[in-house]
Protein backbone atom coordinates (compact mmCIF):
# COMPACT_ATOMS: atom_id res chain seq x y z
CA MET A 1 -0.01 -0.08 0.05
CA ASN A 2 1.38 3.39 -1.03
CA CYS A 3 0.40 5.80 1.75
CA ASP A 4 0.06 8.87 -0.47
CA SER A 5 -1.34 7.63 -3.76
CA GLU A 6 -3.20 4.48 -2.94
CA VAL A 7 -5.16 5.73 -0.01
CA ALA A 8 -5.98 8.96 -1.84
CA ASP A 9 -7.23 6.86 -4.84
CA ALA A 10 -9.28 4.58 -2.59
CA LEU A 11 -11.03 7.49 -0.99
CA ALA A 12 -11.67 9.38 -4.29
CA CYS A 13 -15.07 7.55 -4.88
CA PRO A 14 -16.95 4.45 -3.69
CA ALA A 15 -15.86 2.44 -6.65
CA ALA A 16 -12.12 3.29 -6.36
CA GLY A 17 -11.21 0.08 -4.36
CA PRO A 18 -11.69 -1.88 -1.20
CA SER A 19 -8.57 -0.60 0.59
CA LEU A 20 -10.47 2.17 2.29
CA PRO A 21 -14.07 3.21 1.97
CA CYS A 22 -14.87 6.81 1.09
CA ALA A 23 -14.38 9.00 4.17
CA ALA A 24 -17.80 10.74 3.49
CA SER A 25 -20.69 10.40 1.10
CA ARG A 26 -24.17 11.82 0.47
CA ASP A 27 -27.06 9.66 0.99
CA ASP A 28 -29.99 9.37 -1.56
CA GLY A 29 -32.57 11.03 0.55
CA GLY A 30 -31.68 14.29 2.26
CA GLY A 31 -28.13 14.93 1.27
CA GLU A 32 -26.88 14.33 4.83
CA LEU A 33 -23.18 13.76 5.14
CA LYS A 34 -22.39 10.23 6.33
CA HIS A 35 -19.03 9.21 7.90
CA ALA A 36 -17.48 5.97 6.56
CA PRO A 37 -16.22 3.46 9.07
CA PRO A 38 -12.62 3.67 10.26
CA VAL A 39 -9.74 1.96 8.46
CA SER A 40 -9.98 -1.84 8.30
CA ALA A 41 -7.74 -4.33 10.03
CA SER A 42 -6.38 -5.47 6.63
CA ASP A 43 -5.56 -1.85 5.67
CA ILE A 44 -3.40 -1.68 8.80
CA LEU A 45 -1.78 -4.98 8.40
CA ASN A 46 -0.98 -4.38 4.68
CA ALA A 47 0.54 -0.96 5.33
CA LYS A 48 4.14 -0.46 4.29
CA ILE A 49 6.58 -0.34 7.10
CA LEU A 50 10.26 0.37 7.06
CA VAL A 51 12.52 -0.75 9.80
CA VAL A 52 15.92 1.17 10.23
CA ASP A 53 18.62 -0.03 12.54
CA ASP A 54 22.36 -0.28 11.97
CA LEU A 55 22.39 -3.64 13.75
CA GLU A 56 21.30 -6.57 11.50
CA VAL A 57 20.19 -8.58 14.49
CA ASN A 58 17.90 -5.83 15.69
CA VAL A 59 16.42 -5.47 12.17
CA ARG A 60 15.69 -9.19 12.11
CA LEU A 61 14.23 -9.16 15.56
CA LEU A 62 11.78 -6.28 14.74
CA GLU A 63 10.83 -7.82 11.40
CA GLY A 64 10.11 -11.07 13.07
CA MET A 65 7.95 -9.44 15.80
CA LEU A 66 6.01 -7.43 13.12
CA ARG A 67 5.31 -10.51 10.93
CA ILE A 68 4.30 -12.46 14.04
CA ALA A 69 1.65 -9.61 14.57
CA GLY A 70 0.51 -10.07 11.06
CA TYR A 71 2.04 -7.26 9.14
CA THR A 72 2.66 -8.21 5.52
CA SER A 73 4.70 -5.51 4.02
CA VAL A 74 7.86 -4.90 6.05
CA GLU A 75 11.06 -3.70 4.56
CA SER A 76 14.30 -2.80 6.29
CA THR A 77 17.79 -1.11 5.95
CA THR A 78 20.88 -0.91 8.07
CA ASP A 79 22.02 2.16 6.20
CA PRO A 80 20.44 5.44 7.56
CA THR A 81 21.50 7.43 4.53
CA GLN A 82 19.19 5.38 2.32
CA VAL A 83 16.00 6.17 4.39
CA CYS A 84 14.95 9.37 2.74
CA GLU A 85 15.37 7.98 -0.79
CA LEU A 86 13.54 4.82 0.19
CA HIS A 87 10.66 6.87 1.58
CA ARG A 88 10.56 9.17 -1.42
CA ARG A 89 10.09 6.12 -3.63
CA ASN A 90 7.83 4.01 -1.46
CA ARG A 91 6.01 6.46 0.80
CA TYR A 92 5.98 4.34 3.88
CA CYS A 93 3.07 4.41 6.23
CA LEU A 94 5.29 3.92 9.15
CA ILE A 95 9.14 4.07 9.75
CA LEU A 96 10.62 2.45 12.81
CA LEU A 97 13.83 4.52 13.25
CA ASP A 98 16.68 3.81 15.56
CA LEU A 99 18.17 7.07 17.05
CA HIS A 100 21.69 5.71 17.71
CA MET A 101 23.42 4.92 14.43
CA PRO A 102 27.00 5.66 13.09
CA GLY A 103 27.40 8.29 10.43
CA MET A 104 23.89 9.58 10.48
CA ASP A 105 21.72 9.43 13.60
CA GLY A 106 17.96 9.29 13.77
CA PHE A 107 17.46 13.01 14.33
CA GLN A 108 19.35 13.84 11.14
CA VAL A 109 17.19 11.23 9.25
CA MET A 110 14.07 12.97 10.61
CA GLU A 111 15.31 16.34 9.30
CA GLY A 112 15.68 14.78 5.83
CA LEU A 113 12.17 13.29 6.02
CA LYS A 114 10.56 16.71 6.79
CA GLU A 115 11.74 17.86 3.40
CA ILE A 116 9.78 14.99 1.82
CA GLU A 117 6.62 15.32 3.88
CA GLY A 118 5.15 18.57 2.87
CA ASP A 119 2.80 18.64 5.65
CA ASP A 120 5.43 18.05 8.30
CA TYR A 121 3.72 14.94 9.52
CA LEU A 122 6.48 12.39 10.06
CA PRO A 123 5.20 8.78 10.12
CA VAL A 124 7.98 7.82 12.50
CA ILE A 125 8.24 5.76 15.74
CA VAL A 126 11.87 6.21 17.16
CA ILE A 127 13.57 3.38 18.91
CA THR A 128 15.75 4.30 21.83
CA ALA A 129 17.12 2.96 25.14
CA GLN A 130 17.51 6.47 26.53
CA PRO A 131 14.50 7.93 28.24
CA GLY A 132 15.97 11.32 27.99
CA HIS A 133 15.91 11.18 24.19
CA LYS A 134 12.12 10.49 23.98
CA LEU A 135 11.09 14.04 24.55
CA ARG A 136 13.68 15.38 22.09
CA ALA A 137 12.52 12.81 19.53
CA LEU A 138 8.85 13.91 19.92
CA GLU A 139 9.91 17.61 19.63
CA ALA A 140 11.77 16.75 16.40
CA GLY A 141 8.50 15.38 14.84
CA ALA A 142 8.39 11.73 15.80
CA LYS A 143 4.89 10.48 16.58
CA ASP A 144 5.74 7.95 19.34
CA PHE A 145 8.62 5.86 20.74
CA VAL A 146 9.54 2.25 21.51
CA GLY A 147 12.03 1.55 24.30
CA LYS A 148 14.95 -0.94 24.16
CA PRO A 149 14.88 -3.81 24.89
CA PHE A 150 11.76 -4.44 22.82
CA ASP A 151 8.49 -5.45 24.48
CA MET A 152 6.19 -7.36 22.06
CA ALA A 153 2.92 -6.11 23.54
CA GLU A 154 4.22 -2.38 23.59
CA LEU A 155 5.45 -2.63 19.95
CA ARG A 156 2.24 -4.12 18.68
CA ALA A 157 0.05 -1.49 20.40
CA ARG A 158 2.07 1.43 19.34
CA VAL A 159 2.59 0.50 15.78
CA HIS A 160 -1.16 -0.36 15.38
CA ASN A 161 -2.17 2.97 16.86
CA ILE A 162 0.27 5.08 14.79
CA LEU A 163 -0.61 3.25 11.43
CA GLU A 164 -4.39 3.82 12.15
CA VAL A 165 -3.77 7.46 12.83
CA ARG A 166 -1.46 7.66 9.89
CA LEU A 167 -4.05 6.28 7.39
CA LEU A 168 -6.76 8.44 8.85
CA HIS A 169 -4.47 11.41 8.60
CA LEU A 170 -3.93 10.80 4.87
CA ALA A 171 -7.54 10.44 4.33
CA SER A 172 -8.24 13.63 6.18
CA GLN A 173 -6.18 15.47 3.59
CA SER A 174 -9.01 14.78 1.11
CA HIS A 175 -11.83 14.74 3.55
CA SER A 176 -10.64 16.65 6.58
CA LYS A 177 -13.99 17.83 7.78
CA ALA A 178 -15.38 14.23 7.73
CA LEU A 179 -12.50 12.71 9.62
CA GLU A 180 -11.37 15.50 11.85
CA GLU A 181 -13.34 14.28 14.88
CA THR A 182 -12.27 10.61 14.34
CA VAL A 183 -8.51 11.65 14.36
CA ARG A 184 -9.06 13.70 17.52
CA GLU A 185 -10.70 10.79 19.20
CA LEU A 186 -7.94 8.45 18.29
CA GLU A 187 -5.20 10.90 19.47
CA ALA A 188 -7.24 11.21 22.79
CA SER A 189 -7.28 7.33 23.06
CA ARG A 190 -3.44 7.32 22.51
CA GLU A 191 -3.11 9.76 25.44
CA VAL A 192 -5.28 7.49 27.55
CA ILE A 193 -3.00 4.51 26.62
CA ARG A 194 0.02 6.56 27.72
CA LEU A 195 -1.59 7.47 31.17
CA GLN A 196 -2.49 3.71 31.49
CA SER A 197 1.11 2.89 30.73
CA LEU A 198 2.29 5.10 33.70
CA ASP A 199 -0.10 3.31 36.09
CA GLU A 200 1.26 0.06 34.74
CA GLN A 201 4.82 1.16 35.32
CA LYS A 202 3.98 1.92 38.99
CA ARG A 203 2.43 -1.53 39.44
CA ARG A 204 5.59 -3.15 38.01
CA GLU A 205 7.95 -1.42 40.51
CA GLN A 206 7.69 -4.26 42.98
CA GLU A 207 8.32 -6.79 40.10
CA LEU A 208 11.46 -4.95 39.11
CA ALA A 209 12.77 -4.86 42.64
CA LEU A 210 12.27 -8.64 42.88
CA ALA A 211 13.76 -9.17 39.52
CA GLN A 212 16.91 -7.24 40.57
CA GLU A 213 17.31 -9.33 43.69
CA THR A 214 16.93 -12.44 41.56
CA GLN A 215 19.44 -11.15 39.03
CA GLU A 216 22.00 -10.27 41.70
CA SER A 217 21.73 -13.77 43.30
CA LEU A 218 23.03 -15.23 40.03
CA LEU A 219 26.38 -13.60 40.43
CA PRO A 220 29.12 -15.40 42.27
CA ARG A 221 29.61 -14.33 45.97
CA SER A 222 33.28 -14.40 45.54
CA LEU A 223 35.64 -14.78 42.69
CA PRO A 224 37.43 -18.20 42.20
CA GLN A 225 41.04 -18.79 42.28
CA PHE A 226 42.30 -20.89 39.37
CA GLU A 227 45.84 -22.05 38.91
CA ASN A 228 48.00 -19.63 36.93
CA TYR A 229 45.16 -17.19 36.49
CA HIS A 230 44.04 -13.72 38.04
CA ILE A 231 40.26 -13.13 37.64
CA HIS A 232 38.47 -9.70 38.07
CA ALA A 233 34.66 -9.15 37.49
CA PHE A 234 32.29 -6.27 37.77
CA SER A 235 28.55 -5.79 37.11
CA ASN A 236 26.48 -2.66 37.56
CA PRO A 237 22.83 -3.43 37.05
CA THR A 238 20.17 -0.95 36.14
CA ARG A 239 16.37 -0.81 36.82
CA TYR A 240 15.60 -0.86 33.17
CA VAL A 241 17.09 -4.14 32.10
CA GLY A 242 17.19 -7.39 33.98
CA GLY A 243 19.84 -8.92 31.81
CA ASP A 244 23.52 -9.58 32.59
CA PHE A 245 25.26 -12.35 34.48
CA TYR A 246 28.72 -13.90 34.78
CA ASP A 247 29.86 -17.09 36.38
CA PHE A 248 32.90 -19.43 36.65
CA LEU A 249 33.07 -23.23 37.02
CA GLN A 250 35.86 -25.58 38.01
CA LEU A 251 35.58 -28.92 35.93
CA THR A 252 36.81 -32.33 37.14
CA SER A 253 39.12 -32.48 34.18
CA GLY A 254 41.30 -29.68 35.60
CA GLU A 255 39.96 -27.18 33.18
CA TRP A 256 37.64 -24.25 34.07
CA THR A 257 34.96 -22.31 32.29
CA GLY A 258 33.85 -18.69 32.39
CA VAL A 259 30.76 -17.16 30.91
CA LEU A 260 29.32 -13.58 30.45
CA ALA A 261 25.68 -13.40 29.17
CA ASP A 262 23.23 -10.65 28.33
CA VAL A 263 19.52 -11.63 28.53
CA SER A 264 17.05 -9.47 26.58
CA GLY A 265 13.99 -8.01 28.19
CA LYS A 266 13.42 -6.65 31.67
CA GLY A 267 11.73 -7.55 34.88
CA MET A 268 10.90 -10.85 36.17
CA SER A 269 10.71 -12.57 32.79
CA ALA A 270 14.35 -11.67 32.07
CA ALA A 271 15.45 -12.81 35.53
CA LEU A 272 13.81 -16.15 35.17
CA LEU A 273 15.35 -16.67 31.75
CA SER A 274 18.77 -15.78 33.24
CA SER A 275 18.20 -18.43 36.03
CA MET A 276 17.16 -21.07 33.52
CA VAL A 277 20.16 -20.41 31.24
CA LEU A 278 22.67 -20.37 34.13
CA GLY A 279 21.18 -23.47 35.66
CA ALA A 280 21.35 -25.40 32.30
CA LEU A 281 24.93 -24.28 31.64
CA SER A 282 26.08 -25.41 35.12
CA MET A 283 24.39 -28.82 34.80
CA LYS A 284 25.54 -29.59 31.35
CA LEU A 285 29.17 -28.42 31.83
CA ARG A 286 29.61 -30.36 35.08
CA SER A 287 28.40 -33.54 33.24
CA GLY A 288 31.39 -33.19 30.94
CA THR A 289 29.29 -32.11 27.78
CA GLU A 290 31.41 -30.32 25.18
CA PRO A 291 30.69 -26.54 25.15
CA ARG A 292 29.36 -26.57 21.52
CA GLU A 293 26.86 -29.19 22.50
CA VAL A 294 25.94 -27.43 25.55
CA LEU A 295 25.06 -24.20 23.56
CA ASN A 296 23.20 -26.23 20.96
CA ARG A 297 20.91 -27.77 23.74
CA ILE A 298 20.49 -24.52 25.59
CA ASN A 299 19.53 -22.83 22.25
CA GLN A 300 16.87 -25.45 21.69
CA LEU A 301 15.70 -24.89 25.34
CA ILE A 302 15.30 -21.22 25.04
CA CYS A 303 13.42 -21.56 21.67
CA GLU A 304 10.94 -23.95 23.25
CA LYS A 305 10.49 -22.45 26.68
CA SER A 306 10.99 -18.70 26.36
CA LEU A 307 8.80 -15.95 24.86
CA PRO A 308 9.16 -15.37 21.04
CA PHE A 309 11.05 -12.04 21.49
CA GLN A 310 13.43 -13.21 24.23
CA PHE A 311 16.94 -14.14 23.45
CA VAL A 312 20.39 -14.34 25.01
CA THR A 313 23.93 -13.20 23.78
CA LEU A 314 26.77 -15.10 25.49
CA PHE A 315 30.59 -15.49 25.48
CA LEU A 316 31.64 -18.86 26.90
CA PHE A 317 35.28 -19.86 27.31
CA LEU A 318 37.14 -22.88 28.71
CA LEU A 319 40.86 -22.88 29.69
CA ASN A 320 43.32 -25.31 31.32
CA PRO A 321 46.21 -24.38 33.59
CA ASN A 322 48.52 -24.14 30.53
CA GLY A 323 46.35 -21.54 28.87
CA ALA A 324 45.00 -23.64 26.14
CA GLY A 325 41.28 -23.86 25.55
CA GLN A 326 38.31 -22.80 23.40
CA PHE A 327 35.62 -20.20 23.16
CA ILE A 328 32.15 -19.70 21.67
CA SER A 329 30.50 -16.32 21.14
CA ALA A 330 26.70 -16.48 20.51
CA GLY A 331 26.01 -13.09 19.07
CA HIS A 332 27.92 -11.36 21.83
CA THR A 333 29.93 -8.14 21.84
CA PRO A 334 33.52 -8.92 20.62
CA ALA A 335 35.91 -9.88 23.40
CA CYS A 336 39.36 -8.44 23.52
CA LEU A 337 42.50 -10.41 23.94
CA PHE A 338 45.65 -8.42 24.80
CA ARG A 339 48.93 -10.18 23.74
CA SER A 340 51.57 -9.38 26.12
CA ALA A 341 54.45 -10.35 23.78
CA THR A 342 53.46 -7.87 21.05
CA GLY A 343 51.16 -5.28 22.78
CA LYS A 344 48.43 -6.01 20.20
CA ILE A 345 44.79 -6.65 20.77
CA GLU A 346 42.87 -9.42 19.06
CA GLN A 347 39.16 -9.25 18.87
CA LEU A 348 37.28 -12.42 19.33
CA VAL A 349 34.19 -11.86 17.03
CA SER A 350 30.90 -13.85 17.09
CA GLU A 351 30.13 -16.09 14.25
CA HIS A 352 26.82 -17.35 15.65
CA TYR A 353 23.23 -16.19 16.22
CA PHE A 354 21.77 -15.13 19.57
CA LEU A 355 20.73 -18.07 21.69
CA GLY A 356 16.99 -18.48 21.31
CA MET A 357 16.73 -16.66 18.02
CA PHE A 358 16.49 -19.73 15.64
CA ASP A 359 15.94 -23.31 16.52
CA PHE A 360 18.07 -24.46 13.49
CA ALA A 361 21.02 -22.57 14.74
CA SER A 362 24.18 -24.58 15.66
CA TYR A 363 27.26 -23.50 17.60
CA GLU A 364 31.00 -24.57 17.10
CA SER A 365 33.86 -23.58 19.42
CA ARG A 366 37.06 -21.96 18.26
CA PRO A 367 40.63 -22.51 19.82
CA LEU A 368 41.84 -20.11 22.46
CA GLN A 369 45.40 -19.86 23.74
CA LEU A 370 46.60 -17.52 26.53
CA CYS A 371 50.29 -17.04 27.02
CA ASN A 372 51.96 -15.68 30.10
CA GLY A 373 50.90 -11.96 30.51
CA ASP A 374 48.00 -12.22 28.13
CA ILE A 375 44.74 -10.71 29.27
CA LEU A 376 41.24 -11.57 28.15
CA VAL A 377 38.59 -8.74 28.45
CA VAL A 378 34.96 -9.88 28.11
CA TYR A 379 32.19 -7.22 28.49
CA SER A 380 28.56 -6.54 27.82
CA ASP A 381 27.47 -3.85 25.24
CA GLY A 382 26.30 -1.70 28.19
CA LEU A 383 29.89 -0.82 28.75
CA THR A 384 30.62 0.68 25.30
CA GLU A 385 27.13 2.13 25.10
CA ALA A 386 27.29 3.87 28.48
CA GLU A 387 26.44 7.57 28.02
CA ASN A 388 27.58 10.81 29.59
CA GLN A 389 25.47 13.89 30.28
CA HIS A 390 25.91 15.03 26.70
CA GLY A 391 24.56 11.79 25.21
CA GLU A 392 28.08 10.68 23.96
CA MET A 393 28.77 6.95 24.29
CA PHE A 394 31.85 5.50 25.97
CA GLY A 395 32.63 3.65 22.67
CA ASP A 396 34.92 0.85 21.45
CA GLU A 397 37.82 3.20 20.65
CA ARG A 398 37.92 4.47 24.27
CA LEU A 399 37.82 0.91 25.58
CA LEU A 400 40.59 -0.22 23.26
CA LYS A 401 42.86 2.76 24.06
CA ILE A 402 42.69 1.95 27.78
CA ILE A 403 43.52 -1.72 27.16
CA ARG A 404 46.60 -0.72 25.10
CA GLN A 405 47.74 1.67 27.73
CA GLU A 406 47.13 -0.27 30.84
CA ALA A 407 47.20 -3.99 29.99
CA ALA A 408 50.92 -4.24 30.31
CA LEU A 409 50.65 -3.33 33.88
CA GLY A 410 48.56 -6.42 34.72
CA SER A 411 44.94 -7.27 35.08
CA GLN A 412 44.31 -5.48 38.31
CA ALA A 413 45.66 -2.18 37.04
CA LEU A 414 43.59 -2.66 33.86
CA ASN A 415 40.47 -3.52 35.79
CA LEU A 416 40.72 -0.50 38.23
CA THR A 417 41.56 1.85 35.34
CA LEU A 418 38.57 0.73 33.31
CA LEU A 419 36.20 1.07 36.39
CA LYS A 420 37.58 4.58 37.05
CA ALA A 421 37.22 5.54 33.36
CA ILE A 422 33.56 4.46 33.15
CA ASP A 423 32.74 6.24 36.55
CA GLU A 424 34.46 9.51 35.39
CA PHE A 425 32.79 9.29 31.93
CA THR A 426 29.29 8.75 33.06
CA GLN A 427 29.54 11.10 36.12
CA GLY A 428 26.47 9.48 37.74
CA VAL A 429 24.23 9.68 34.67
CA PRO A 430 21.63 6.72 35.05
CA GLN A 431 22.24 4.07 32.37
CA THR A 432 19.60 2.05 30.64
CA ASP A 433 21.65 -1.26 30.30
CA ASP A 434 23.69 -3.26 32.66
CA ILE A 435 27.50 -2.73 32.56
CA THR A 436 29.29 -6.07 33.09
CA LEU A 437 32.93 -6.84 32.73
CA VAL A 438 35.24 -9.89 33.23
CA VAL A 439 39.02 -9.60 33.02
CA VAL A 440 41.16 -12.73 33.02
CA GLU A 441 45.11 -12.74 33.12
CA LYS A 442 47.44 -15.73 32.65
CA TYR A 443 50.34 -14.95 34.88
CA GLN A 444 52.44 -18.17 34.74
C-alpha cells in the first residue's frame, strides 16, 4: 500500500477500491453527510513499514515481531543514509527508526524526512534505550517511541495505533471535515493509553525490585582462584534491564569455564530466563558435555521455553592451567585479547546467532590460547554504550585505548583503570543497560 497515492485513490469515490471506503458520502434522501467506518484491520496489516537500525540482529528481531503480529509489507535497511530515498520512492506508512546509528543518527534522518513530507507529518516511531531522548524525538517530529529492549505487547500496540492514525491522517487531507473528529478521538485514546502505561509502570515497581534481587543472586559471591590465572569481574545493574550475568566453574578435568551473558527483556521474565540459562549451563558443563553441544541444547531450550522475543547473547570460554582452551560467542559483543608479547589486541568476534533466535542454529567452538601476561577482556554492550550527560557513548575506541595503555601493567591495574574511566565518563548519569565486565590474566 502506497500511503500517499493508494489511500487517496481509494477515497476518491466508492468504486475506487476496497482498501479504504470513502471518508464521507451523500445519502440518496436528504443529502446528509455520512461518515465511513474507520480503516479496516487489513488496511493496517497491509500498510508499508520500514525498519531502520544499523544492527542486523535488531532489524531481524523487529521484522520477526512485526510479521508475528500479522504485518505483511515490512522492509528494512541498516544504512540510515538510504532512508529518505527509500521513503521518497515508497512512501511508507510507518518508519521504525533507531536513534543511535553511526554516520547519521535518527535525528538527522528525521530532518531529511521533513523535506519530503510537505505537511510536516513524520510517520516515525523512534527506537531508543535512553529515556531522555524520547522528549527530544517527539519535539523533532516523531509520533511515538519504543524503548529498548523491545516489548512485544508495547510494539504491537504502538505500531497499530500510529498506523491507524497515519492512514486516517492521509484520508483527512482529502476529507478533513469528515475525519477530523475521528482523528481527535484516536489521538485522545493514545493519550489514555500513555496514562495507563504510567499506572502499569507503577504496578511493576515491585516486580522490578524482585527481579533485581533475583539477578544479583546469580552472580558469584566471591571470585574463584584458578591455577595460573588472575580473575576480576564487575557488574553494575540498572532498573531498566534485567539482563547480565557472569559465572565461573571448575571442572573435574582440571579445566575451568567462564561465561558472560546478556539476556534480553526486563523484569521478572528476564530474571527467570537468566536463572534457567545459568542452571542449564552449570548442569551440562559439570556433566562433561562439550561446550558446543551445551550451547546447541540451551538454544533449543530457549526456543522451546521462552517468549518469542526473548534471546540471549553469550561469551563462553574454557581454559586449562597451561592457557589452552576454546571459546564460543553467541551473538555477543567482541571480546578483547591483549597479547603481552606484542602489545596488540585481538578481537574475538561472534560467528553465531543469539541463543533463542532460531531453533536451527548450531554452535561451534574456536581455539583459544593465553600465554603468560596475556589478558582476556569480556564485557557486555552496556559498557561501550554507556552515555555521559551530553549523550556521548563510551565507545569501542575509548575501551581499546585503555586496554593498550594499561594491560601491560597487569589485570588488576587494567580493571581498576577501566572502572575509574567508566565512572568519570558517566558522572552518575543513570544508564539504561547493565555494565558487566570480566578480566582474566594468565600470569604463569
